[in-house]
Protein backbone atom coordinates (compact mmCIF):
# COMPACT_ATOMS: atom_id res chain seq x y z
CA MET A 1 18.73 -2.67 -2.26
CA ALA A 2 18.76 -6.47 -2.42
CA PRO A 3 18.95 -7.98 -5.93
CA ASP A 4 15.35 -9.18 -5.83
CA GLN A 5 13.94 -5.82 -4.68
CA THR A 6 12.51 -3.22 -7.04
CA ASN A 7 11.69 0.46 -6.76
CA LEU A 8 7.97 1.20 -6.67
CA LEU A 9 6.53 2.57 -9.87
CA GLN A 10 5.02 6.02 -9.61
CA GLY A 11 1.42 5.79 -8.45
CA THR A 12 1.63 2.31 -6.92
CA LEU A 13 2.30 3.19 -3.28
CA HIS A 14 -1.26 4.29 -2.51
CA MET A 15 -2.69 1.18 -4.18
CA MET A 16 -0.37 -1.11 -2.22
CA ILE A 17 -1.22 0.61 1.08
CA LEU A 18 -4.94 0.37 0.32
CA LYS A 19 -4.59 -3.33 -0.52
CA ALA A 20 -2.58 -4.02 2.65
CA LEU A 21 -5.28 -2.34 4.74
CA ALA A 22 -8.11 -4.11 2.86
CA LEU A 23 -6.84 -7.24 4.58
CA GLY A 24 -7.32 -5.65 8.02
CA GLU A 25 -6.40 -2.78 10.31
CA LEU A 26 -2.67 -2.20 10.86
CA HIS A 27 -0.28 0.27 12.44
CA GLY A 28 2.10 2.09 10.10
CA LEU A 29 5.04 -0.28 10.25
CA GLY A 30 2.62 -3.20 9.98
CA VAL A 31 1.51 -1.77 6.62
CA SER A 32 5.12 -1.78 5.45
CA ARG A 33 5.62 -5.37 6.62
CA ARG A 34 2.41 -6.52 4.94
CA ILE A 35 3.43 -4.96 1.61
CA GLU A 36 6.78 -6.70 1.83
CA GLN A 37 5.00 -9.97 2.67
CA ILE A 38 2.41 -9.66 -0.13
CA THR A 39 5.10 -8.87 -2.70
CA LYS A 40 7.39 -11.63 -1.38
CA GLY A 41 10.09 -9.07 -0.63
CA THR A 42 10.04 -7.35 -4.02
CA PHE A 43 8.92 -4.04 -2.49
CA GLN A 44 10.01 -2.53 0.81
CA VAL A 45 8.34 0.73 1.80
CA LYS A 46 10.55 2.95 3.92
CA PRO A 47 9.07 5.12 6.70
CA GLY A 48 10.03 8.30 4.82
CA SER A 49 7.65 7.31 2.02
CA LEU A 50 5.07 5.41 4.06
CA PHE A 51 4.07 7.94 6.71
CA PRO A 52 3.58 10.93 4.38
CA ALA A 53 1.48 8.67 2.11
CA LEU A 54 -0.65 7.49 5.06
CA HIS A 55 -1.17 11.12 6.07
CA ARG A 56 -2.20 12.15 2.52
CA MET A 57 -4.57 9.20 2.27
CA GLU A 58 -6.15 10.07 5.59
CA GLU A 59 -6.65 13.65 4.38
CA GLU A 60 -8.30 12.28 1.21
CA GLY A 61 -10.74 10.36 3.40
CA TRP A 62 -9.52 6.94 2.24
CA LEU A 63 -8.27 5.96 5.71
CA GLU A 64 -9.22 6.61 9.28
CA SER A 65 -6.97 6.12 12.26
CA HIS A 66 -6.87 5.74 16.01
CA TRP A 67 -4.13 5.37 18.59
CA GLY A 68 -3.54 2.00 20.19
CA GLU A 69 -0.85 -0.28 21.52
CA SER A 70 1.42 -2.29 19.22
CA GLU A 71 2.39 -5.92 19.72
CA ASN A 72 5.47 -4.77 21.66
CA ASN A 73 3.43 -2.49 23.97
CA ARG A 74 4.33 0.77 22.23
CA ARG A 75 1.90 3.51 21.31
CA ALA A 76 1.06 3.20 17.61
CA LYS A 77 -1.35 4.78 15.16
CA TYR A 78 -3.62 2.18 13.55
CA TYR A 79 -5.18 2.68 10.12
CA LYS A 80 -8.20 1.16 8.43
CA LEU A 81 -9.98 1.68 5.13
CA THR A 82 -13.08 3.81 4.84
CA GLY A 83 -15.80 3.24 2.26
CA ALA A 84 -14.08 5.85 0.08
CA GLY A 85 -10.81 3.94 0.51
CA ARG A 86 -12.43 0.71 -0.69
CA ARG A 87 -13.81 2.51 -3.74
CA GLN A 88 -10.39 4.04 -4.42
CA LEU A 89 -8.75 0.62 -4.17
CA GLU A 90 -11.23 -0.77 -6.68
CA ALA A 91 -10.60 2.10 -9.11
CA GLU A 92 -6.81 1.85 -8.77
CA THR A 93 -6.89 -1.95 -9.14
CA LYS A 94 -8.81 -1.63 -12.42
CA ARG A 95 -6.44 1.07 -13.69
CA TRP A 96 -3.31 -0.95 -12.84
CA GLY A 97 -4.86 -4.05 -14.37
CA ARG A 98 -5.19 -2.17 -17.67
CA VAL A 99 -1.61 -0.86 -17.40
CA ALA A 100 -0.22 -4.34 -16.61
CA LEU A 101 -2.12 -5.86 -19.53
CA ALA A 102 -0.82 -3.19 -21.92
CA ILE A 103 2.76 -3.74 -20.76
CA THR A 104 2.37 -7.53 -21.09
CA ARG A 105 1.01 -7.11 -24.63
CA THR A 106 3.93 -4.85 -25.50
CA LEU A 107 6.49 -7.33 -24.19
CA GLU A 108 4.83 -10.23 -26.02
CA ALA A 109 4.57 -8.39 -29.36
CA SER A 110 6.53 -9.93 -32.19
């Protein structure tokens, strides 16, 4: 792991995937690249974590998928948010906002 990379906190992977897909439809590895881009390289999601999470989220009804062709002409599964996925992103964003605020308050306590 590079010095400026960090392990994902438990419960953040789904939120980050949802946020990446809120910006537009992507194939699996595109989701990983977008998360790395959004976090300026702080988080890198490996395929062994990404694809099981995408599958779970599709089973939950948060994502839907279809097969298409990637930018390098390979067959790829593309994912996009459903209405339930948008609602889940909103709920998780609020929850993590509260957690981040509590942690910030703790660190700033004197």
